Protein backbone atom coordinates (compact mmCIF):
# COMPACT_ATOMS: atom_id res chain seq x y z
CA MET A 1 80.43 27.70 155.68
CA ILE A 2 76.85 27.60 155.46
CA LYS A 3 76.48 30.13 158.41
CA GLN A 4 78.10 32.52 156.15
CA PHE A 5 76.00 32.34 153.01
CA ILE A 6 72.95 32.73 155.26
CA TRP A 7 72.76 36.47 155.30
CA PRO A 8 73.33 36.44 151.60
CA PHE A 9 70.86 34.00 150.42
CA THR A 10 68.99 35.92 153.30
CA GLY A 11 68.99 38.93 151.14
CA LEU A 12 68.46 37.23 147.63
CA VAL A 13 65.05 36.20 149.00
CA ILE A 14 64.09 39.64 150.34
CA ILE A 15 65.30 41.44 146.75
CA HIS A 16 63.34 38.59 144.96
CA LEU A 17 60.48 39.51 146.98
CA LEU A 18 60.57 42.97 146.48
CA MET A 19 61.54 42.69 142.54
CA TYR A 20 58.40 40.53 142.25
CA ILE A 21 56.64 43.37 143.94
CA THR A 22 57.97 46.32 141.64
CA PHE A 23 56.82 44.85 138.34
CA PHE A 24 52.82 44.42 139.66
CA ASP A 25 52.53 47.82 138.06
CA GLN A 26 54.63 49.81 135.44
CA ARG A 27 52.87 53.17 136.42
CA ILE A 28 54.70 52.88 139.84
CA PHE A 29 57.72 51.37 138.74
CA TRP A 30 60.04 53.60 139.39
CA TYR A 31 59.03 54.52 143.34
CA LEU A 32 59.05 50.64 143.91
CA TYR A 33 62.51 49.99 142.20
CA SER A 34 63.76 53.35 144.02
CA GLY A 35 62.85 51.55 147.43
CA THR A 36 64.04 48.53 146.69
CA ALA A 37 67.41 49.83 145.78
CA LEU A 38 67.58 51.43 149.38
CA VAL A 39 67.15 47.83 150.60
CA MET A 40 69.74 47.12 148.45
CA ILE A 41 72.07 49.37 149.96
CA ALA A 42 71.10 48.89 153.87
CA LEU A 43 71.57 45.09 153.17
CA SER A 44 75.09 45.61 151.79
CA ILE A 45 76.07 47.99 154.05
CA SER A 46 75.16 46.44 157.30
CA GLN A 47 77.03 43.10 156.40
CA SER A 48 80.12 44.18 154.40
CA GLY A 49 80.34 47.85 155.27
CA ILE A 50 81.49 50.28 153.17
CA GLU A 51 84.42 49.17 150.95
CA LYS A 52 87.38 51.79 151.00
CA GLY A 53 88.59 53.12 147.50
CA ARG A 54 91.83 51.43 146.62
CA HIS A 55 92.69 53.87 143.69
CA PRO A 56 92.76 57.80 143.64
CA ILE A 57 89.30 59.24 142.61
CA ASN A 58 90.97 60.72 139.37
CA ARG A 59 91.86 56.92 138.31
CA SER A 60 88.47 55.66 139.05
CA ILE A 61 87.04 58.31 137.21
CA PHE A 62 89.39 57.89 134.30
CA TYR A 63 88.88 53.72 134.16
CA GLY A 64 84.62 53.97 135.12
CA VAL A 65 84.60 56.15 132.21
CA LEU A 66 86.57 54.36 129.98
CA SER A 67 84.86 50.99 130.83
CA GLY A 68 81.51 52.60 130.38
CA PHE A 69 82.24 53.45 126.76
CA THR A 70 83.34 50.25 126.37
CA ILE A 71 80.41 48.35 126.78
CA TYR A 72 78.30 50.88 125.08
CA GLY A 73 80.44 50.64 121.90
CA LEU A 74 80.24 46.74 122.21
CA LEU A 75 76.37 47.08 122.32
CA PHE A 76 76.67 49.21 119.73
CA ILE A 77 78.53 47.21 117.44
CA SER A 78 76.50 44.19 118.39
CA TYR A 79 73.31 46.15 118.14
CA GLN A 80 74.45 47.41 114.04
CA LEU A 81 74.81 43.49 113.53
CA LEU A 82 72.04 41.85 114.68
CA SER A 83 69.61 44.71 113.90
CA ILE A 84 70.30 43.08 109.81
CA ALA A 85 69.85 39.86 110.57
CA PRO A 86 66.58 37.86 110.61
CA GLY A 87 64.19 38.20 113.92
CA ASP A 88 63.11 40.95 116.13
CA PHE A 89 66.23 41.99 118.21
CA GLU A 90 66.00 45.44 117.04
CA GLN A 91 61.96 45.68 118.54
CA MET A 92 62.95 43.88 121.79
CA VAL A 93 65.96 46.68 122.31
CA ASP A 94 63.61 49.48 121.42
CA SER A 95 61.30 47.85 123.85
CA LEU A 96 63.50 47.76 126.62
CA PHE A 97 64.78 51.05 125.87
CA HIS A 98 61.91 52.90 126.14
CA ARG A 99 60.96 50.55 129.28
CA LEU A 100 64.04 51.70 131.30
CA LYS A 101 64.47 55.04 130.08
CA PRO A 102 63.59 57.92 133.04
CA ASP A 103 61.06 60.04 132.13
CA GLN A 104 60.79 62.48 134.64
CA VAL A 105 64.13 64.47 136.63
CA TRP A 106 63.67 62.92 139.52
CA GLN A 107 63.67 59.18 138.03
CA LEU A 108 67.08 60.30 136.43
CA LEU A 109 68.21 61.34 140.03
CA SER A 110 66.94 58.66 141.51
CA LEU A 111 68.77 56.41 138.90
CA ILE A 112 71.93 58.18 139.21
CA LEU A 113 71.99 58.48 143.09
CA ILE A 114 70.44 55.49 144.27
CA ILE A 115 69.70 52.59 141.81
CA ILE A 116 73.01 52.50 140.02
CA PRO A 117 75.27 52.76 143.21
CA ALA A 118 72.56 50.17 144.99
CA VAL A 119 73.42 47.43 142.22
CA GLU A 120 76.69 47.40 142.33
CA PHE A 121 76.80 47.62 146.18
CA PHE A 122 74.53 44.69 146.39
CA TRP A 123 75.76 42.69 143.51
CA ARG A 124 79.59 43.19 143.42
CA GLY A 125 80.04 44.52 147.14
CA PHE A 126 77.83 42.37 149.12
CA ILE A 127 77.16 38.81 146.99
CA GLN A 128 80.58 38.57 144.68
CA ARG A 129 82.46 39.50 147.16
CA ASN A 130 80.98 36.68 149.60
CA LEU A 131 81.12 34.36 146.53
CA ASP A 132 85.08 35.10 145.90
CA GLU A 133 85.95 33.66 149.30
CA HIS A 134 84.71 30.41 148.36
CA LEU A 135 84.79 29.86 144.50
CA THR A 136 87.38 31.01 141.70
CA PRO A 137 86.91 34.35 140.07
CA VAL A 138 85.19 32.67 136.98
CA GLY A 139 82.24 31.10 139.21
CA SER A 140 81.87 34.12 141.02
CA ILE A 141 81.47 36.36 138.85
CA LEU A 142 78.72 33.94 136.41
CA ILE A 143 76.56 33.18 139.79
CA THR A 144 76.59 36.44 140.41
CA ALA A 145 75.45 37.30 136.89
CA VAL A 146 73.30 34.69 137.01
CA LEU A 147 71.62 35.56 140.32
CA SER A 148 71.14 39.32 139.05
CA ALA A 149 69.45 38.27 135.85
CA SER A 150 67.35 36.25 137.67
CA VAL A 151 65.46 39.32 139.49
CA PHE A 152 64.22 40.46 136.00
CA LEU A 153 62.19 37.40 135.68
CA TYR A 154 59.14 38.92 136.92
CA SER A 155 59.38 41.80 134.19
CA GLY A 156 58.24 39.04 132.03
CA ASP A 157 61.10 40.33 129.32
CA TRP A 158 63.89 38.18 128.61
CA THR A 159 65.64 40.69 126.50
CA TRP A 160 66.02 42.71 130.54
CA MET A 161 67.61 39.22 132.05
CA ALA A 162 70.02 39.18 129.11
CA ALA A 163 70.90 42.80 129.83
CA ALA A 164 71.43 42.00 133.02
CA PHE A 165 73.27 38.92 132.49
CA ILE A 166 75.96 40.59 130.05
CA GLY A 167 75.94 43.58 132.60
CA SER A 168 76.86 41.64 135.58
CA VAL A 169 79.66 39.77 133.94
CA PHE A 170 81.02 42.77 132.67
CA TRP A 171 80.95 44.71 135.72
CA GLY A 172 81.84 41.64 137.94
CA MET A 173 84.99 41.13 135.57
CA LEU A 174 85.62 45.10 136.06
CA TYR A 175 85.28 44.58 139.84
CA TYR A 176 87.21 41.32 140.66
CA TRP A 177 90.21 43.33 138.49
CA LYS A 178 90.18 46.90 140.21
CA LYS A 179 88.70 46.11 143.21
CA SER A 180 86.93 49.46 143.73
CA ILE A 181 83.10 49.59 143.73
CA SER A 182 83.43 53.33 143.03
CA LEU A 183 85.22 52.39 139.76
CA VAL A 184 82.71 50.21 138.81
CA ILE A 185 79.39 52.63 139.59
CA ILE A 186 81.13 55.56 137.54
CA SER A 187 81.19 52.64 134.60
CA HIS A 188 77.50 51.95 135.25
CA LEU A 189 76.65 55.20 135.52
CA THR A 190 78.79 56.36 132.20
CA PHE A 191 77.44 53.16 130.28
CA ASP A 192 73.61 54.10 131.31
CA LEU A 193 73.85 58.00 130.31
CA LEU A 194 75.10 56.91 126.86
CA PHE A 195 72.53 53.91 126.48
CA PHE A 196 69.73 56.66 127.29
CA TYR A 197 70.80 60.03 125.97
CA VAL A 198 73.39 58.76 123.12
CA VAL A 199 70.52 56.93 121.41
CA PHE A 200 71.42 54.80 118.41
CA ILE A 201 68.00 53.06 118.14
């Protein structure tokens, strides 16, 4: 059992190191994050392979888009409620939005074609899939969420970590339910496009 966790643990250490480097300089963040994403894909595919889809592509698109709208809707409602509460939640979300939004076309293409698929291949298709073999569904989803949030520790922004944790729980549950990486990628992509380009802040 210990041997089965050696490669996932090694992968986590590598990604932590790369994410630490990624947050060194905001000016080259997108270059470094895109490179890190390519490493995530390589680690995932080399150990877990490419998971065959269990659903027809039209169903994957339907459930992916629907779930993407769902998590965006939940975020929208939460934002509206918390923005009227005491505190600086609105400013923190605004800061996160502007730090993450792609400014150039190549950054958007990298987000769509490399980063989002890499995140789901690594966290759902590699880490969570390995944990599923030894833990309960709740345990594997929560541990994966904590681990995925932990790599954003180096950003120095707890809202980034919180967003990563919440998103990982949602997409972790979706992956456990549908067992389809392509569906989860579509969901994640739908949410990101809504968040960045259907602006509510």
